[in-house]
């Protein structure tokens, strides 16, 4: 819902019904007009107090468009500080805002899913809520660009409050290299930094395959400088962001797209939960359109998954024909097709 104008006869917008949804995020875009209006300030504080009583199922995310809201105590210091982003292009500032908010929405959805999966968990477990979204930086050390770009992305994400895994720094002493890497891949969102040598490195390929088999959020940063001798086929079916390996001026775009993927993954998992027992044991839900590597992973499962349901829109007939040859007993349906009973 969008509040921007008071109804006739009122000085402030109508109140927000926090019970209209399972979780509720309230974004306040506070500028000098807002902070200079006593009634709007009182309205914001009333909404904030209402949200505070709801625990972590409802949260207020203030955005300081200018410094007036901070100076007058209308919003706290930890607001999103649009006012500090200086002379950056508005498009870049909007992307930074959307990325910051998407990250917080991911935390809200993760907490909501934990409540659904474990109802006995405390609804106000702040320490669990504050746990960061894990990001794994998959890269090749066999060309100069791979390690340097990974370090730059790591610094950018740490400055933004994200938790990044970089094997050089983050494998504990005494732990097996291969075990730690694969466990982190399965539990993280992945940025694959596709430089010239990436496809030729065994561990890069293993990380990519593992990420696909476990359906984790994944974005490929295309940083090819000259030639990739053999493009690794399992890097497709995910967003690919072009980034010049020399300029390296689109790191924010890579991170923004990754947060989009993480948010979509949480939203999909929430939607799957609403299907409940209607799914049955022979249906598997996957967070992105199917591909051959996913179909091969279904073989030998007990009970077999003879229906795969994925987010809309439906894939094209040319892909369906290919998949029918590879896995003739598996139905592939978008969520809306499955809900409509197209597979029955």
C-alpha atoms as a PDB file:
ATOM      1  CA  UNK A   1       0.000   0.000   0.000  1.00  0.00           C
ATOM      2  CA  UNK A   2       1.099   3.539  -0.727  1.00  0.00           C
ATOM      3  CA  UNK A   3       0.424   6.479   1.601  1.00  0.00           C
ATOM      4  CA  UNK A   4       1.224   9.955   0.341  1.00  0.00           C
ATOM      5  CA  UNK A   5      -1.807  12.172   0.838  1.00  0.00           C
ATOM      6  CA  UNK A   6      -4.200  12.639   3.782  1.00  0.00           C
ATOM      7  CA  UNK A   7      -7.872  11.898   3.165  1.00  0.00           C
ATOM      8  CA  UNK A   8     -10.295  14.817   3.073  1.00  0.00           C
ATOM      9  CA  UNK A   9     -10.669  16.447   6.468  1.00  0.00           C
ATOM     10  CA  UNK A  10      -7.452  14.963   7.909  1.00  0.00           C
ATOM     11  CA  UNK A  11      -3.917  16.304   8.230  1.00  0.00           C
ATOM     12  CA  UNK A  12      -2.201  12.898   7.994  1.00  0.00           C
ATOM     13  CA  UNK A  13      -2.601   9.684   5.988  1.00  0.00           C
ATOM     14  CA  UNK A  14      -4.866   6.917   7.234  1.00  0.00           C
ATOM     15  CA  UNK A  15      -3.298   4.467   9.664  1.00  0.00           C
ATOM     16  CA  UNK A  16      -1.670   1.247   8.517  1.00  0.00           C
ATOM     17  CA  UNK A  17      -3.419  -2.026   9.338  1.00  0.00           C
ATOM     18  CA  UNK A  18      -0.545  -4.189  10.533  1.00  0.00           C
ATOM     19  CA  UNK A  19      -2.818  -7.244  10.639  1.00  0.00           C
ATOM     20  CA  UNK A  20      -3.629  -7.172   6.941  1.00  0.00           C
ATOM     21  CA  UNK A  21      -0.657  -9.443   6.210  1.00  0.00           C
ATOM     22  CA  UNK A  22       1.427 -12.098   7.944  1.00  0.00           C
ATOM     23  CA  UNK A  23       4.407  -9.735   8.002  1.00  0.00           C
ATOM     24  CA  UNK A  24       4.450  -6.016   7.377  1.00  0.00           C
ATOM     25  CA  UNK A  25       7.260  -3.634   6.352  1.00  0.00           C
ATOM     26  CA  UNK A  26       6.636   0.101   6.665  1.00  0.00           C
ATOM     27  CA  UNK A  27       8.987   2.389   4.725  1.00  0.00           C
ATOM     28  CA  UNK A  28       9.072   6.050   5.744  1.00  0.00           C
ATOM     29  CA  UNK A  29      10.599   8.465   3.223  1.00  0.00           C
ATOM     30  CA  UNK A  30      11.339  11.381   5.538  1.00  0.00           C
ATOM     31  CA  UNK A  31      12.377  14.801   4.213  1.00  0.00           C
ATOM     32  CA  UNK A  32      12.212  18.384   5.539  1.00  0.00           C
ATOM     33  CA  UNK A  33       8.507  18.698   4.652  1.00  0.00           C
ATOM     34  CA  UNK A  34       7.737  15.674   6.803  1.00  0.00           C
ATOM     35  CA  UNK A  35      10.028  16.550   9.722  1.00  0.00           C
ATOM     36  CA  UNK A  36       8.692  20.139   9.750  1.00  0.00           C
ATOM     37  CA  UNK A  37       5.058  19.050  10.131  1.00  0.00           C
ATOM     38  CA  UNK A  38       4.092  18.337  13.749  1.00  0.00           C
ATOM     39  CA  UNK A  39       1.123  16.163  12.832  1.00  0.00           C
ATOM     40  CA  UNK A  40       3.086  14.041  10.355  1.00  0.00           C
ATOM     41  CA  UNK A  41       5.825  13.571  12.970  1.00  0.00           C
ATOM     42  CA  UNK A  42       3.209  12.426  15.512  1.00  0.00           C
ATOM     43  CA  UNK A  43       1.698  10.054  12.926  1.00  0.00           C
ATOM     44  CA  UNK A  44       5.113   8.500  12.232  1.00  0.00           C
ATOM     45  CA  UNK A  45       5.796   8.012  15.932  1.00  0.00           C
ATOM     46  CA  UNK A  46       2.394   6.427  16.445  1.00  0.00           C
ATOM     47  CA  UNK A  47       3.029   3.979  13.598  1.00  0.00           C
ATOM     48  CA  UNK A  48       6.487   3.209  15.008  1.00  0.00           C
ATOM     49  CA  UNK A  49       5.026   2.490  18.451  1.00  0.00           C
ATOM     50  CA  UNK A  50       2.399   0.186  16.940  1.00  0.00           C
ATOM     51  CA  UNK A  51       5.061  -1.690  14.989  1.00  0.00           C
ATOM     52  CA  UNK A  52       7.255  -2.034  18.068  1.00  0.00           C
ATOM     53  CA  UNK A  53       4.460  -3.862  19.886  1.00  0.00           C
ATOM     54  CA  UNK A  54       4.222  -6.408  17.065  1.00  0.00           C
ATOM     55  CA  UNK A  55       7.702  -7.823  17.605  1.00  0.00           C
ATOM     56  CA  UNK A  56       9.616  -8.819  14.468  1.00  0.00           C
ATOM     57  CA  UNK A  57       6.576  -9.559  12.291  1.00  0.00           C
ATOM     58  CA  UNK A  58       6.306  -5.845  11.531  1.00  0.00           C
ATOM     59  CA  UNK A  59       9.180  -3.397  11.127  1.00  0.00           C
ATOM     60  CA  UNK A  60       9.675   0.245  10.201  1.00  0.00           C
ATOM     61  CA  UNK A  61      12.429   1.114   7.736  1.00  0.00           C
ATOM     62  CA  UNK A  62      13.038   4.881   7.764  1.00  0.00           C
ATOM     63  CA  UNK A  63      14.835   6.537   4.851  1.00  0.00           C
ATOM     64  CA  UNK A  64      16.456   9.919   5.519  1.00  0.00           C
ATOM     65  CA  UNK A  65      15.994  11.814   2.243  1.00  0.00           C
ATOM     66  CA  UNK A  66      17.729  14.764   3.911  1.00  0.00           C
ATOM     67  CA  UNK A  67      19.333  15.268   7.334  1.00  0.00           C
ATOM     68  CA  UNK A  68      16.337  17.027   8.922  1.00  0.00           C
ATOM     69  CA  UNK A  69      14.713  13.820  10.130  1.00  0.00           C
ATOM     70  CA  UNK A  70      17.906  12.789  11.929  1.00  0.00           C
ATOM     71  CA  UNK A  71      18.539  16.238  13.411  1.00  0.00           C
ATOM     72  CA  UNK A  72      14.993  16.515  14.780  1.00  0.00           C
ATOM     73  CA  UNK A  73      14.862  12.960  16.053  1.00  0.00           C
ATOM     74  CA  UNK A  74      12.059  11.926  13.717  1.00  0.00           C
ATOM     75  CA  UNK A  75      14.074   8.919  12.514  1.00  0.00           C
ATOM     76  CA  UNK A  76      17.027   7.176  14.198  1.00  0.00           C
ATOM     77  CA  UNK A  77      20.670   7.310  13.102  1.00  0.00           C
ATOM     78  CA  UNK A  78      20.460   3.810  11.639  1.00  0.00           C
ATOM     79  CA  UNK A  79      17.995   4.970   8.991  1.00  0.00           C
ATOM     80  CA  UNK A  80      18.918   4.417   5.373  1.00  0.00           C
ATOM     81  CA  UNK A  81      21.003   7.534   4.763  1.00  0.00           C
ATOM     82  CA  UNK A  82      19.979   8.638   1.269  1.00  0.00           C
ATOM     83  CA  UNK A  83      21.186  12.104   2.295  1.00  0.00           C
ATOM     84  CA  UNK A  84      24.792  10.870   2.560  1.00  0.00           C
ATOM     85  CA  UNK A  85      24.963   9.457  -0.921  1.00  0.00           C
ATOM     86  CA  UNK A  86      25.973  12.862  -2.235  1.00  0.00           C
ATOM     87  CA  UNK A  87      26.065  13.660  -5.912  1.00  0.00           C
ATOM     88  CA  UNK A  88      25.597  10.115  -7.144  1.00  0.00           C
ATOM     89  CA  UNK A  89      23.209   9.629 -10.019  1.00  0.00           C
ATOM     90  CA  UNK A  90      19.590   9.134  -8.883  1.00  0.00           C
ATOM     91  CA  UNK A  91      19.474   5.729 -10.577  1.00  0.00           C
ATOM     92  CA  UNK A  92      22.486   4.583  -8.535  1.00  0.00           C
ATOM     93  CA  UNK A  93      20.931   5.943  -5.347  1.00  0.00           C
ATOM     94  CA  UNK A  94      17.646   4.182  -6.058  1.00  0.00           C
ATOM     95  CA  UNK A  95      19.539   0.929  -6.664  1.00  0.00           C
ATOM     96  CA  UNK A  96      21.362   1.333  -3.349  1.00  0.00           C
ATOM     97  CA  UNK A  97      18.040   1.971  -1.615  1.00  0.00           C
ATOM     98  CA  UNK A  98      16.329  -1.047  -3.196  1.00  0.00           C
ATOM     99  CA  UNK A  99      19.321  -3.269  -2.356  1.00  0.00           C
ATOM    100  CA  UNK A 100      19.372  -2.149   1.281  1.00  0.00           C
ATOM    101  CA  UNK A 101      15.625  -2.679   1.668  1.00  0.00           C
ATOM    102  CA  UNK A 102      15.680  -6.023  -0.155  1.00  0.00           C
ATOM    103  CA  UNK A 103      18.316  -7.238   2.281  1.00  0.00           C
ATOM    104  CA  UNK A 104      16.108  -6.336   5.249  1.00  0.00           C
ATOM    105  CA  UNK A 105      13.056  -7.926   3.604  1.00  0.00           C
ATOM    106  CA  UNK A 106      15.113 -11.126   3.242  1.00  0.00           C
ATOM    107  CA  UNK A 107      15.726 -11.112   6.981  1.00  0.00           C
ATOM    108  CA  UNK A 108      12.018 -10.650   7.644  1.00  0.00           C
ATOM    109  CA  UNK A 109      11.044 -13.515   5.345  1.00  0.00           C
ATOM    110  CA  UNK A 110      13.722 -15.795   6.772  1.00  0.00           C
ATOM    111  CA  UNK A 111      12.413 -15.129  10.273  1.00  0.00           C
ATOM    112  CA  UNK A 112       8.836 -15.734   9.089  1.00  0.00           C
ATOM    113  CA  UNK A 113       9.822 -19.061   7.495  1.00  0.00           C
ATOM    114  CA  UNK A 114      11.580 -20.147  10.679  1.00  0.00           C
ATOM    115  CA  UNK A 115       8.370 -19.417  12.592  1.00  0.00           C
ATOM    116  CA  UNK A 116       6.395 -21.562  10.145  1.00  0.00           C
ATOM    117  CA  UNK A 117       8.885 -24.412  10.235  1.00  0.00           C
ATOM    118  CA  UNK A 118       9.465 -24.267  14.013  1.00  0.00           C
ATOM    119  CA  UNK A 119       6.455 -22.708  15.749  1.00  0.00           C
ATOM    120  CA  UNK A 120       8.110 -23.066  19.155  1.00  0.00           C
ATOM    121  CA  UNK A 121      10.861 -20.639  18.148  1.00  0.00           C
ATOM    122  CA  UNK A 122      10.664 -17.266  19.894  1.00  0.00           C
ATOM    123  CA  UNK A 123       8.854 -14.684  17.797  1.00  0.00           C
ATOM    124  CA  UNK A 124      11.203 -11.981  19.058  1.00  0.00           C
ATOM    125  CA  UNK A 125      14.515 -13.811  18.665  1.00  0.00           C
ATOM    126  CA  UNK A 126      16.502 -10.715  17.728  1.00  0.00           C
ATOM    127  CA  UNK A 127      19.878 -12.465  17.545  1.00  0.00           C
ATOM    128  CA  UNK A 128      18.538 -14.943  14.982  1.00  0.00           C
ATOM    129  CA  UNK A 129      16.909 -12.122  13.034  1.00  0.00           C
ATOM    130  CA  UNK A 130      20.183 -10.181  12.911  1.00  0.00           C
ATOM    131  CA  UNK A 131      22.034 -13.087  11.350  1.00  0.00           C
ATOM    132  CA  UNK A 132      23.402 -11.911   8.046  1.00  0.00           C
ATOM    133  CA  UNK A 133      22.639 -13.344   4.625  1.00  0.00           C
ATOM    134  CA  UNK A 134      25.616 -15.512   3.632  1.00  0.00           C
ATOM    135  CA  UNK A 135      27.237 -14.777   0.285  1.00  0.00           C
ATOM    136  CA  UNK A 136      29.820 -17.082  -1.313  1.00  0.00           C
ATOM    137  CA  UNK A 137      32.274 -15.589  -3.830  1.00  0.00           C
ATOM    138  CA  UNK A 138      33.134 -18.265  -6.369  1.00  0.00           C
ATOM    139  CA  UNK A 139      36.222 -17.247  -8.355  1.00  0.00           C
ATOM    140  CA  UNK A 140      39.377 -18.471 -10.047  1.00  0.00           C
ATOM    141  CA  UNK A 141      42.771 -17.580  -8.621  1.00  0.00           C
ATOM    142  CA  UNK A 142      44.491 -18.517 -11.876  1.00  0.00           C
ATOM    143  CA  UNK A 143      44.102 -15.154 -13.517  1.00  0.00           C
ATOM    144  CA  UNK A 144      44.747 -11.756 -11.984  1.00  0.00           C
ATOM    145  CA  UNK A 145      41.177 -10.548 -12.372  1.00  0.00           C
ATOM    146  CA  UNK A 146      39.464 -13.338 -10.423  1.00  0.00           C
ATOM    147  CA  UNK A 147      41.041 -12.742  -7.011  1.00  0.00           C
ATOM    148  CA  UNK A 148      41.148  -8.953  -7.318  1.00  0.00           C
ATOM    149  CA  UNK A 149      37.486  -8.656  -8.317  1.00  0.00           C
ATOM    150  CA  UNK A 150      36.483 -11.064  -5.529  1.00  0.00           C
ATOM    151  CA  UNK A 151      38.345  -8.916  -2.996  1.00  0.00           C
ATOM    152  CA  UNK A 152      36.645  -5.759  -4.257  1.00  0.00           C
ATOM    153  CA  UNK A 153      33.199  -7.353  -4.089  1.00  0.00           C
ATOM    154  CA  UNK A 154      34.024  -8.636  -0.600  1.00  0.00           C
ATOM    155  CA  UNK A 155      34.979  -5.144   0.604  1.00  0.00           C
ATOM    156  CA  UNK A 156      31.864  -3.621  -0.992  1.00  0.00           C
ATOM    157  CA  UNK A 157      29.591  -6.170   0.661  1.00  0.00           C
ATOM    158  CA  UNK A 158      31.258  -5.939   4.067  1.00  0.00           C
ATOM    159  CA  UNK A 159      30.791  -2.166   3.969  1.00  0.00           C
ATOM    160  CA  UNK A 160      27.100  -2.834   3.319  1.00  0.00           C
ATOM    161  CA  UNK A 161      26.749  -5.236   6.257  1.00  0.00           C
ATOM    162  CA  UNK A 162      26.684  -8.514   4.295  1.00  0.00           C
ATOM    163  CA  UNK A 163      28.469 -11.694   5.388  1.00  0.00           C
ATOM    164  CA  UNK A 164      30.780 -12.911   2.613  1.00  0.00           C
ATOM    165  CA  UNK A 165      32.781 -16.143   2.344  1.00  0.00           C
ATOM    166  CA  UNK A 166      36.191 -15.883   0.709  1.00  0.00           C
ATOM    167  CA  UNK A 167      38.158 -19.114   0.997  1.00  0.00           C
ATOM    168  CA  UNK A 168      41.566 -17.463   1.465  1.00  0.00           C
ATOM    169  CA  UNK A 169      40.368 -15.819   4.673  1.00  0.00           C
ATOM    170  CA  UNK A 170      37.432 -17.858   5.921  1.00  0.00           C
ATOM    171  CA  UNK A 171      38.411 -21.534   6.038  1.00  0.00           C
ATOM    172  CA  UNK A 172      39.197 -22.248   9.713  1.00  0.00           C
ATOM    173  CA  UNK A 173      42.504 -23.824  10.650  1.00  0.00           C
ATOM    174  CA  UNK A 174      42.172 -27.582  10.961  1.00  0.00           C
ATOM    175  CA  UNK A 175      39.116 -27.889   8.700  1.00  0.00           C
ATOM    176  CA  UNK A 176      39.208 -29.744   5.394  1.00  0.00           C
ATOM    177  CA  UNK A 177      39.215 -27.396   2.427  1.00  0.00           C
ATOM    178  CA  UNK A 178      36.773 -29.388   0.297  1.00  0.00           C
ATOM    179  CA  UNK A 179      34.281 -30.038   3.103  1.00  0.00           C
ATOM    180  CA  UNK A 180      34.093 -26.387   4.156  1.00  0.00           C
ATOM    181  CA  UNK A 181      33.738 -25.088   0.598  1.00  0.00           C
ATOM    182  CA  UNK A 182      30.896 -27.398  -0.357  1.00  0.00           C
ATOM    183  CA  UNK A 183      29.005 -26.818   2.902  1.00  0.00           C
ATOM    184  CA  UNK A 184      29.226 -23.059   2.416  1.00  0.00           C
ATOM    185  CA  UNK A 185      28.054 -23.298  -1.209  1.00  0.00           C
ATOM    186  CA  UNK A 186      24.958 -25.240  -0.148  1.00  0.00           C
ATOM    187  CA  UNK A 187      24.005 -22.640   2.472  1.00  0.00           C
ATOM    188  CA  UNK A 188      24.868 -19.368   0.702  1.00  0.00           C
ATOM    189  CA  UNK A 189      23.838 -17.084  -2.104  1.00  0.00           C
ATOM    190  CA  UNK A 190      26.493 -17.262  -4.814  1.00  0.00           C
ATOM    191  CA  UNK A 191      28.287 -14.689  -6.920  1.00  0.00           C
ATOM    192  CA  UNK A 192      30.215 -16.551  -9.635  1.00  0.00           C
ATOM    193  CA  UNK A 193      32.967 -14.268 -10.959  1.00  0.00           C
ATOM    194  CA  UNK A 194      33.343 -15.545 -14.496  1.00  0.00           C
ATOM    195  CA  UNK A 195      36.846 -14.563 -15.607  1.00  0.00           C
ATOM    196  CA  UNK A 196      38.863 -16.096 -18.440  1.00  0.00           C
ATOM    197  CA  UNK A 197      40.149 -19.090 -16.440  1.00  0.00           C
ATOM    198  CA  UNK A 198      36.977 -19.793 -14.415  1.00  0.00           C
ATOM    199  CA  UNK A 199      35.586 -22.593 -16.615  1.00  0.00           C
ATOM    200  CA  UNK A 200      38.931 -24.402 -16.695  1.00  0.00           C
ATOM    201  CA  UNK A 201      39.225 -24.725 -12.912  1.00  0.00           C
ATOM    202  CA  UNK A 202      37.897 -27.908 -11.311  1.00  0.00           C
ATOM    203  CA  UNK A 203      36.784 -26.285  -8.066  1.00  0.00           C
ATOM    204  CA  UNK A 204      34.954 -23.467  -9.820  1.00  0.00           C
ATOM    205  CA  UNK A 205      33.011 -26.055 -11.794  1.00  0.00           C
ATOM    206  CA  UNK A 206      32.291 -28.097  -8.651  1.00  0.00           C
ATOM    207  CA  UNK A 207      31.027 -25.028  -6.822  1.00  0.00           C
ATOM    208  CA  UNK A 208      28.721 -24.161  -9.705  1.00  0.00           C
ATOM    209  CA  UNK A 209      27.319 -27.686  -9.986  1.00  0.00           C
ATOM    210  CA  UNK A 210      26.768 -27.874  -6.222  1.00  0.00           C
ATOM    211  CA  UNK A 211      24.983 -24.510  -6.257  1.00  0.00           C
ATOM    212  CA  UNK A 212      22.660 -25.714  -9.021  1.00  0.00           C
ATOM    213  CA  UNK A 213      21.903 -29.043  -7.329  1.00  0.00           C
ATOM    214  CA  UNK A 214      20.980 -27.271  -4.092  1.00  0.00           C
ATOM    215  CA  UNK A 215      19.001 -24.521  -5.866  1.00  0.00           C
ATOM    216  CA  UNK A 216      20.706 -21.658  -4.048  1.00  0.00           C
ATOM    217  CA  UNK A 217      20.323 -18.036  -5.273  1.00  0.00           C
ATOM    218  CA  UNK A 218      22.970 -17.412  -7.890  1.00  0.00           C
ATOM    219  CA  UNK A 219      24.223 -14.548 -10.074  1.00  0.00           C
ATOM    220  CA  UNK A 220      27.035 -14.708 -12.623  1.00  0.00           C
ATOM    221  CA  UNK A 221      29.271 -11.653 -12.994  1.00  0.00           C
ATOM    222  CA  UNK A 222      30.532 -11.852 -16.575  1.00  0.00           C
ATOM    223  CA  UNK A 223      34.102 -10.519 -16.298  1.00  0.00           C
ATOM    224  CA  UNK A 224      35.612 -12.121 -19.394  1.00  0.00           C
ATOM    225  CA  UNK A 225      38.609 -10.061 -20.491  1.00  0.00           C
ATOM    226  CA  UNK A 226      39.599 -11.928 -23.646  1.00  0.00           C
ATOM    227  CA  UNK A 227      38.498 -15.544 -24.185  1.00  0.00           C
ATOM    228  CA  UNK A 228      36.864 -18.398 -22.301  1.00  0.00           C
ATOM    229  CA  UNK A 229      38.130 -21.491 -24.119  1.00  0.00           C
ATOM    230  CA  UNK A 230      35.220 -23.634 -23.021  1.00  0.00           C
ATOM    231  CA  UNK A 231      32.171 -21.893 -21.585  1.00  0.00           C
ATOM    232  CA  UNK A 232      30.935 -24.011 -18.685  1.00  0.00           C
ATOM    233  CA  UNK A 233      27.357 -25.043 -19.596  1.00  0.00           C
ATOM    234  CA  UNK A 234      25.969 -25.005 -16.047  1.00  0.00           C
ATOM    235  CA  UNK A 235      26.458 -21.262 -15.605  1.00  0.00           C
ATOM    236  CA  UNK A 236      23.251 -20.563 -17.526  1.00  0.00           C
ATOM    237  CA  UNK A 237      19.612 -20.275 -16.383  1.00  0.00           C
ATOM    238  CA  UNK A 238      20.505 -17.537 -13.862  1.00  0.00           C
ATOM    239  CA  UNK A 239      20.947 -13.741 -14.123  1.00  0.00           C
ATOM    240  CA  UNK A 240      24.205 -12.723 -15.815  1.00  0.00           C
ATOM    241  CA  UNK A 241      25.537  -9.220 -15.159  1.00  0.00           C
ATOM    242  CA  UNK A 242      28.232  -7.824 -17.420  1.00  0.00           C
ATOM    243  CA  UNK A 243      31.110  -6.165 -15.574  1.00  0.00           C
ATOM    244  CA  UNK A 244      34.244  -4.845 -17.261  1.00  0.00           C
ATOM    245  CA  UNK A 245      37.159  -6.595 -15.490  1.00  0.00           C
ATOM    246  CA  UNK A 246      39.274  -3.443 -15.760  1.00  0.00           C
ATOM    247  CA  UNK A 247      36.754  -0.746 -14.816  1.00  0.00           C
ATOM    248  CA  UNK A 248      34.955  -2.872 -12.190  1.00  0.00           C
ATOM    249  CA  UNK A 249      32.351  -0.137 -11.893  1.00  0.00           C
ATOM    250  CA  UNK A 250      29.235  -2.330 -11.678  1.00  0.00           C
ATOM    251  CA  UNK A 251      29.798  -4.146  -8.422  1.00  0.00           C
ATOM    252  CA  UNK A 252      26.703  -2.449  -7.002  1.00  0.00           C
ATOM    253  CA  UNK A 253      24.657  -3.846  -9.902  1.00  0.00           C
ATOM    254  CA  UNK A 254      25.948  -7.379  -9.231  1.00  0.00           C
ATOM    255  CA  UNK A 255      25.098  -7.106  -5.523  1.00  0.00           C
ATOM    256  CA  UNK A 256      21.690  -5.567  -6.237  1.00  0.00           C
ATOM    257  CA  UNK A 257      20.804  -8.409  -8.587  1.00  0.00           C
ATOM    258  CA  UNK A 258      21.992 -10.992  -6.063  1.00  0.00           C
ATOM    259  CA  UNK A 259      19.730  -9.494  -3.383  1.00  0.00           C
ATOM    260  CA  UNK A 260      16.848  -9.677  -5.877  1.00  0.00           C
ATOM    261  CA  UNK A 261      17.553 -13.395  -6.296  1.00  0.00           C
ATOM    262  CA  UNK A 262      17.763 -13.993  -2.541  1.00  0.00           C
ATOM    263  CA  UNK A 263      14.481 -12.151  -1.992  1.00  0.00           C
ATOM    264  CA  UNK A 264      12.761 -14.075  -4.793  1.00  0.00           C
ATOM    265  CA  UNK A 265      14.018 -17.329  -3.265  1.00  0.00           C
ATOM    266  CA  UNK A 266      12.514 -16.470   0.140  1.00  0.00           C
ATOM    267  CA  UNK A 267       9.252 -15.364  -1.471  1.00  0.00           C
ATOM    268  CA  UNK A 268       9.064 -18.624  -3.418  1.00  0.00           C
ATOM    269  CA  UNK A 269       9.666 -20.667  -0.271  1.00  0.00           C
ATOM    270  CA  UNK A 270       6.906 -18.726   1.491  1.00  0.00           C
ATOM    271  CA  UNK A 271       4.552 -19.392  -1.407  1.00  0.00           C
ATOM    272  CA  UNK A 272       5.372 -23.100  -1.406  1.00  0.00           C
ATOM    273  CA  UNK A 273       4.474 -23.205   2.283  1.00  0.00           C
ATOM    274  CA  UNK A 274       0.977 -21.944   1.432  1.00  0.00           C
ATOM    275  CA  UNK A 275       0.411 -24.979  -0.808  1.00  0.00           C
ATOM    276  CA  UNK A 276       0.484 -27.194   2.292  1.00  0.00           C
ATOM    277  CA  UNK A 277      -0.583 -30.816   1.907  1.00  0.00           C
ATOM    278  CA  UNK A 278      -2.061 -30.180  -1.537  1.00  0.00           C
ATOM    279  CA  UNK A 279       1.318 -30.819  -3.102  1.00  0.00           C
ATOM    280  CA  UNK A 280       1.648 -34.483  -2.256  1.00  0.00           C
ATOM    281  CA  UNK A 281       4.891 -36.447  -2.040  1.00  0.00           C
ATOM    282  CA  UNK A 282       5.449 -36.737  -5.779  1.00  0.00           C
ATOM    283  CA  UNK A 283       5.769 -32.983  -6.387  1.00  0.00           C
ATOM    284  CA  UNK A 284       9.024 -31.039  -6.069  1.00  0.00           C
ATOM    285  CA  UNK A 285       9.169 -27.239  -6.019  1.00  0.00           C
ATOM    286  CA  UNK A 286      12.211 -25.526  -7.478  1.00  0.00           C
ATOM    287  CA  UNK A 287      12.954 -21.778  -7.239  1.00  0.00           C
ATOM    288  CA  UNK A 288      13.833 -21.157 -10.900  1.00  0.00           C
ATOM    289  CA  UNK A 289      12.971 -22.638 -14.310  1.00  0.00           C
ATOM    290  CA  UNK A 290      14.087 -26.270 -14.695  1.00  0.00           C
ATOM    291  CA  UNK A 291      17.258 -27.275 -16.479  1.00  0.00           C
ATOM    292  CA  UNK A 292      18.853 -30.588 -17.399  1.00  0.00           C
ATOM    293  CA  UNK A 293      21.162 -30.707 -14.370  1.00  0.00           C
ATOM    294  CA  UNK A 294      18.115 -30.549 -12.065  1.00  0.00           C
ATOM    295  CA  UNK A 295      16.352 -33.317 -13.966  1.00  0.00           C
ATOM    296  CA  UNK A 296      19.356 -35.637 -13.628  1.00  0.00           C
ATOM    297  CA  UNK A 297      19.340 -35.108  -9.853  1.00  0.00           C
ATOM    298  CA  UNK A 298      15.806 -36.559  -9.649  1.00  0.00           C
ATOM    299  CA  UNK A 299      16.841 -40.025 -10.740  1.00  0.00           C
ATOM    300  CA  UNK A 300      16.831 -42.611  -8.002  1.00  0.00           C
ATOM    301  CA  UNK A 301      14.806 -40.531  -5.545  1.00  0.00           C
ATOM    302  CA  UNK A 302      12.317 -42.379  -3.376  1.00  0.00           C
ATOM    303  CA  UNK A 303       9.499 -41.556  -3.687  1.00  0.00           C
ATOM    304  CA  UNK A 304      10.063 -40.258  -7.212  1.00  0.00           C
ATOM    305  CA  UNK A 305       9.205 -36.648  -8.035  1.00  0.00           C
ATOM    306  CA  UNK A 306       7.136 -36.980 -11.187  1.00  0.00           C
ATOM    307  CA  UNK A 307       6.067 -33.309 -11.177  1.00  0.00           C
ATOM    308  CA  UNK A 308       8.368 -30.286 -10.994  1.00  0.00           C
ATOM    309  CA  UNK A 309       6.757 -26.925 -10.178  1.00  0.00           C
ATOM    310  CA  UNK A 310       8.671 -23.706 -10.797  1.00  0.00           C
ATOM    311  CA  UNK A 311       7.910 -19.946 -10.664  1.00  0.00           C
ATOM    312  CA  UNK A 312       6.019 -18.354 -13.542  1.00  0.00           C
ATOM    313  CA  UNK A 313       6.182 -17.655 -16.434  1.00  0.00           C
ATOM    314  CA  UNK A 314       5.979 -21.063 -18.150  1.00  0.00           C
ATOM    315  CA  UNK A 315       9.012 -22.139 -20.168  1.00  0.00           C
ATOM    316  CA  UNK A 316       8.744 -22.449 -23.946  1.00  0.00           C
ATOM    317  CA  UNK A 317       7.788 -25.473 -26.017  1.00  0.00           C
ATOM    318  CA  UNK A 318      11.351 -25.871 -27.351  1.00  0.00           C
ATOM    319  CA  UNK A 319      12.666 -26.446 -23.805  1.00  0.00           C
ATOM    320  CA  UNK A 320       9.746 -28.689 -22.856  1.00  0.00           C
ATOM    321  CA  UNK A 321      10.486 -30.913 -25.865  1.00  0.00           C
ATOM    322  CA  UNK A 322      14.130 -31.216 -24.834  1.00  0.00           C
ATOM    323  CA  UNK A 323      13.236 -32.053 -21.249  1.00  0.00           C
ATOM    324  CA  UNK A 324      10.655 -34.613 -22.401  1.00  0.00           C
ATOM    325  CA  UNK A 325      13.458 -36.486 -24.163  1.00  0.00           C
ATOM    326  CA  UNK A 326      15.756 -36.340 -21.141  1.00  0.00           C
ATOM    327  CA  UNK A 327      13.130 -37.186 -18.510  1.00  0.00           C
ATOM    328  CA  UNK A 328       9.985 -38.489 -20.220  1.00  0.00           C
ATOM    329  CA  UNK A 329       8.188 -39.333 -16.975  1.00  0.00           C
ATOM    330  CA  UNK A 330       8.456 -35.885 -15.392  1.00  0.00           C
ATOM    331  CA  UNK A 331       5.818 -33.165 -15.740  1.00  0.00           C
ATOM    332  CA  UNK A 332       7.105 -29.588 -15.761  1.00  0.00           C
ATOM    333  CA  UNK A 333       4.561 -26.999 -14.648  1.00  0.00           C
ATOM    334  CA  UNK A 334       4.734 -23.367 -13.681  1.00  0.00           C
ATOM    335  CA  UNK A 335       3.113 -22.537 -10.345  1.00  0.00           C
ATOM    336  CA  UNK A 336      -0.045 -21.131 -11.950  1.00  0.00           C
ATOM    337  CA  UNK A 337      -0.322 -24.115 -14.292  1.00  0.00           C
ATOM    338  CA  UNK A 338      -0.039 -26.470 -11.326  1.00  0.00           C
ATOM    339  CA  UNK A 339      -2.585 -24.518  -9.286  1.00  0.00           C
ATOM    340  CA  UNK A 340      -4.991 -24.564 -12.216  1.00  0.00           C
ATOM    341  CA  UNK A 341      -4.704 -28.352 -12.337  1.00  0.00           C
ATOM    342  CA  UNK A 342      -3.031 -28.497 -15.727  1.00  0.00           C
ATOM    343  CA  UNK A 343      -1.107 -31.590 -14.686  1.00  0.00           C
ATOM    344  CA  UNK A 344      -4.061 -33.620 -13.471  1.00  0.00           C
END
